[in-house]
């Protein structure tokens, strides 16, 4: 059976992010030769290297920096949250320059040619409240309520990151009751009280006619 080209193999994957191993398997070639071919395509601007063994095809019509997220930590589940998720849900208009991700692992930043990804650690008891985003289900994203609570949870730490939202837009489908359910799951009493207070401040700033319990 004859080999296929790397370009053909990329087309056969039919998604904008792929691994060296996938392409090598599809073209029936070695990992080393496939890696060299992908590196050459990267030099030509056809593909972009994300991290070791992971590549992206930015020209693909379905490409978005968010689709890279599941490939960055294949050993553990992560989800898009914080202000990145709030933007996706239409609650923050300005596009964050960094994609913020919730994890139960260590916090870290991964810089790539297609975007910067900032991972923030949550208590395992809070690692829920997310679902697949959109019809293609390419990555996991927090619900609007969980994204906001994740922000407030993180703001309780040193540095107070995500402690204020000057442009926050509470959308009609946002539920403060659901948000409070997430607050009640926070195991640390001090942090739970802090987050509950910040959520109440946000609620009090909204005209009563626009509130949804």
Protein backbone atom coordinates (compact mmCIF):
# COMPACT_ATOMS: atom_id res chain seq x y z
CA UNK A 1 0.00 0.00 0.00
CA UNK A 2 1.56 3.30 -1.06
CA UNK A 3 2.17 6.16 1.32
CA UNK A 4 0.15 9.37 1.20
CA UNK A 5 1.65 12.84 1.50
CA UNK A 6 1.64 14.81 4.74
CA UNK A 7 -0.73 17.35 3.16
CA UNK A 8 -3.13 14.57 2.22
CA UNK A 9 -2.94 13.12 5.71
CA UNK A 10 -3.67 16.52 7.27
CA UNK A 11 -6.73 16.76 5.04
CA UNK A 12 -7.84 13.29 6.11
CA UNK A 13 -7.74 14.28 9.79
CA UNK A 14 -10.51 16.77 8.96
CA UNK A 15 -9.87 19.09 11.91
CA UNK A 16 -7.49 22.01 12.41
CA UNK A 17 -5.41 20.54 15.26
CA UNK A 18 -3.60 17.23 15.04
CA UNK A 19 -0.61 15.30 16.34
CA UNK A 20 2.52 14.04 14.63
CA UNK A 21 1.51 10.49 15.49
CA UNK A 22 -1.88 10.88 13.81
CA UNK A 23 -0.31 12.13 10.59
CA UNK A 24 2.38 9.43 10.66
CA UNK A 25 -0.29 6.75 11.03
CA UNK A 26 -2.43 8.15 8.22
CA UNK A 27 0.46 8.44 5.80
CA UNK A 28 1.97 5.13 6.88
CA UNK A 29 5.31 6.78 7.60
CA UNK A 30 7.70 7.06 10.53
CA UNK A 31 7.34 9.60 13.32
CA UNK A 32 10.74 11.13 12.54
CA UNK A 33 10.12 11.65 8.82
CA UNK A 34 6.61 12.97 9.50
CA UNK A 35 7.96 15.39 12.10
CA UNK A 36 10.57 16.66 9.63
CA UNK A 37 7.91 17.18 6.96
CA UNK A 38 5.66 19.05 9.38
CA UNK A 39 8.60 21.22 10.47
CA UNK A 40 9.19 22.12 6.81
CA UNK A 41 5.52 23.00 6.37
CA UNK A 42 5.81 25.15 9.48
CA UNK A 43 8.75 27.05 7.97
CA UNK A 44 6.61 27.61 4.88
CA UNK A 45 3.78 28.98 7.00
CA UNK A 46 1.35 26.19 6.12
CA UNK A 47 1.06 24.80 9.66
CA UNK A 48 2.02 26.09 13.09
CA UNK A 49 3.70 24.10 15.82
CA UNK A 50 1.77 24.35 19.07
CA UNK A 51 3.93 22.24 21.38
CA UNK A 52 5.99 19.13 20.87
CA UNK A 53 4.06 16.72 18.67
CA UNK A 54 1.03 19.02 18.26
CA UNK A 55 0.31 21.13 15.18
CA UNK A 56 -2.40 23.45 13.91
CA UNK A 57 -3.69 24.43 10.50
CA UNK A 58 -4.78 28.08 10.99
CA UNK A 59 -6.20 28.25 7.46
CA UNK A 60 -8.80 25.61 8.33
CA UNK A 61 -12.30 27.19 8.39
CA UNK A 62 -12.99 25.72 11.83
CA UNK A 63 -9.77 26.91 13.43
CA UNK A 64 -9.90 28.92 16.63
CA UNK A 65 -7.27 29.19 19.38
CA UNK A 66 -9.81 27.62 21.75
CA UNK A 67 -9.77 24.34 19.84
CA UNK A 68 -6.14 23.88 20.89
CA UNK A 69 -7.02 23.68 24.60
CA UNK A 70 -7.75 19.90 24.89
CA UNK A 71 -4.47 19.09 23.15
CA UNK A 72 -2.33 21.08 25.59
CA UNK A 73 -2.92 18.71 28.52
CA UNK A 74 -3.95 15.33 27.05
CA UNK A 75 -3.25 13.69 30.41
CA UNK A 76 -5.94 15.64 32.25
CA UNK A 77 -9.29 17.28 31.62
CA UNK A 78 -9.43 21.08 31.54
CA UNK A 79 -12.07 23.62 30.56
CA UNK A 80 -12.17 27.22 29.36
CA UNK A 81 -13.41 29.48 32.14
CA UNK A 82 -12.96 32.85 33.85
CA UNK A 83 -13.16 35.92 31.60
CA UNK A 84 -12.53 33.82 28.48
CA UNK A 85 -15.76 31.90 29.08
CA UNK A 86 -17.60 35.09 30.03
CA UNK A 87 -16.60 36.54 26.66
CA UNK A 88 -17.79 33.43 24.82
CA UNK A 89 -21.15 33.75 26.60
CA UNK A 90 -21.49 37.41 25.64
CA UNK A 91 -21.02 38.77 29.17
CA UNK A 92 -17.78 40.60 28.42
CA UNK A 93 -17.38 42.38 25.09
CA UNK A 94 -13.62 42.87 25.08
CA UNK A 95 -11.72 39.86 23.76
CA UNK A 96 -9.19 38.64 26.37
CA UNK A 97 -5.66 38.52 25.02
CA UNK A 98 -5.05 35.34 27.01
CA UNK A 99 -7.20 32.20 27.07
CA UNK A 100 -7.90 31.31 30.71
CA UNK A 101 -8.34 27.68 31.63
CA UNK A 102 -9.45 25.87 34.79
CA UNK A 103 -7.54 22.82 35.94
CA UNK A 104 -7.04 20.71 39.04
CA UNK A 105 -3.34 20.53 38.20
CA UNK A 106 -0.69 23.14 38.70
CA UNK A 107 -1.12 26.64 37.36
CA UNK A 108 1.10 27.59 34.46
CA UNK A 109 1.28 29.57 31.24
CA UNK A 110 1.83 28.01 27.82
CA UNK A 111 2.86 30.36 25.04
CA UNK A 112 2.25 29.18 21.48
CA UNK A 113 2.24 30.66 17.99
CA UNK A 114 -1.56 30.77 18.02
CA UNK A 115 -2.19 32.12 21.51
CA UNK A 116 -1.24 32.27 25.18
CA UNK A 117 -2.95 29.84 27.55
CA UNK A 118 -3.09 30.52 31.28
CA UNK A 119 -4.01 27.57 33.53
CA UNK A 120 -5.42 28.22 37.01
CA UNK A 121 -5.91 25.62 39.70
CA UNK A 122 -9.31 24.98 41.25
CA UNK A 123 -10.25 22.80 44.19
CA UNK A 124 -11.27 19.37 42.76
CA UNK A 125 -14.70 19.78 44.37
CA UNK A 126 -15.27 22.79 42.10
CA UNK A 127 -14.15 21.12 38.90
CA UNK A 128 -17.59 20.91 37.31
CA UNK A 129 -20.17 23.16 35.69
CA UNK A 130 -18.84 22.90 32.13
CA UNK A 131 -20.03 21.46 28.84
CA UNK A 132 -18.96 21.10 25.24
CA UNK A 133 -18.98 24.39 23.35
CA UNK A 134 -21.01 24.71 20.17
CA UNK A 135 -22.15 22.10 17.69
CA UNK A 136 -18.66 20.84 16.91
CA UNK A 137 -17.92 20.17 20.60
CA UNK A 138 -14.22 20.91 20.19
CA UNK A 139 -13.53 22.11 23.73
CA UNK A 140 -15.14 22.35 27.16
CA UNK A 141 -16.36 25.67 28.53
CA UNK A 142 -17.84 26.73 31.87
CA UNK A 143 -21.46 27.79 32.06
CA UNK A 144 -21.98 31.56 32.48
CA UNK A 145 -22.68 31.17 36.20
CA UNK A 146 -19.73 28.86 36.83
CA UNK A 147 -17.36 31.10 34.84
CA UNK A 148 -18.29 34.06 37.03
CA UNK A 149 -17.91 32.07 40.25
CA UNK A 150 -14.55 30.73 39.05
CA UNK A 151 -13.46 34.36 38.56
CA UNK A 152 -14.58 35.37 42.03
CA UNK A 153 -12.97 32.26 43.53
CA UNK A 154 -9.67 33.18 41.93
CA UNK A 155 -10.02 36.80 43.05
CA UNK A 156 -9.98 35.63 46.69
CA UNK A 157 -6.31 34.78 46.31
CA UNK A 158 -3.31 37.04 46.57
CA UNK A 159 -3.29 39.51 43.70
CA UNK A 160 -7.10 39.73 43.48
CA UNK A 161 -7.14 38.68 39.80
CA UNK A 162 -10.63 39.05 38.26
CA UNK A 163 -11.86 40.99 41.29
CA UNK A 164 -13.82 43.57 39.28
CA UNK A 165 -15.82 43.58 36.06
CA UNK A 166 -16.39 47.14 34.81
CA UNK A 167 -17.93 45.90 31.55
CA UNK A 168 -19.87 42.90 32.83
CA UNK A 169 -23.18 42.37 31.03
CA UNK A 170 -25.64 40.07 32.80
CA UNK A 171 -27.39 38.21 30.00
CA UNK A 172 -31.10 37.24 30.20
CA UNK A 173 -30.32 33.55 30.69
CA UNK A 174 -27.93 34.15 33.60
CA UNK A 175 -29.31 32.86 36.93
CA UNK A 176 -28.06 34.14 40.28
CA UNK A 177 -29.69 31.15 41.96
CA UNK A 178 -27.52 28.81 39.88
CA UNK A 179 -24.49 30.96 40.64
CA UNK A 180 -25.20 30.67 44.37
CA UNK A 181 -25.37 26.90 44.03
CA UNK A 182 -21.77 26.98 42.86
CA UNK A 183 -20.84 29.29 45.72
CA UNK A 184 -22.20 26.78 48.23
CA UNK A 185 -19.85 24.09 46.89
CA UNK A 186 -16.74 26.06 47.85
CA UNK A 187 -15.26 24.03 50.74
CA UNK A 188 -13.29 26.84 52.40
CA UNK A 189 -15.65 28.89 54.60
CA UNK A 190 -13.63 32.10 54.30
CA UNK A 191 -13.43 31.92 50.51
CA UNK A 192 -17.10 30.94 50.28
CA UNK A 193 -18.09 34.01 52.27
CA UNK A 194 -15.87 36.25 50.17
CA UNK A 195 -17.29 34.93 46.88
CA UNK A 196 -20.88 35.18 48.16
CA UNK A 197 -20.26 38.82 49.09
CA UNK A 198 -18.75 39.68 45.70
CA UNK A 199 -21.64 37.98 43.91
CA UNK A 200 -24.13 39.99 45.96
CA UNK A 201 -22.30 43.20 45.03
CA UNK A 202 -22.62 42.33 41.34
CA UNK A 203 -26.32 41.54 41.78
CA UNK A 204 -27.00 44.77 43.65
CA UNK A 205 -25.49 46.81 40.80
CA UNK A 206 -28.03 45.43 38.34
CA UNK A 207 -31.45 47.14 37.95
CA UNK A 208 -34.07 44.98 39.65
CA UNK A 209 -36.06 44.60 36.44
CA UNK A 210 -33.10 42.87 34.80
CA UNK A 211 -32.32 40.45 37.61
CA UNK A 212 -33.08 36.77 37.36
CA UNK A 213 -33.03 34.74 40.53
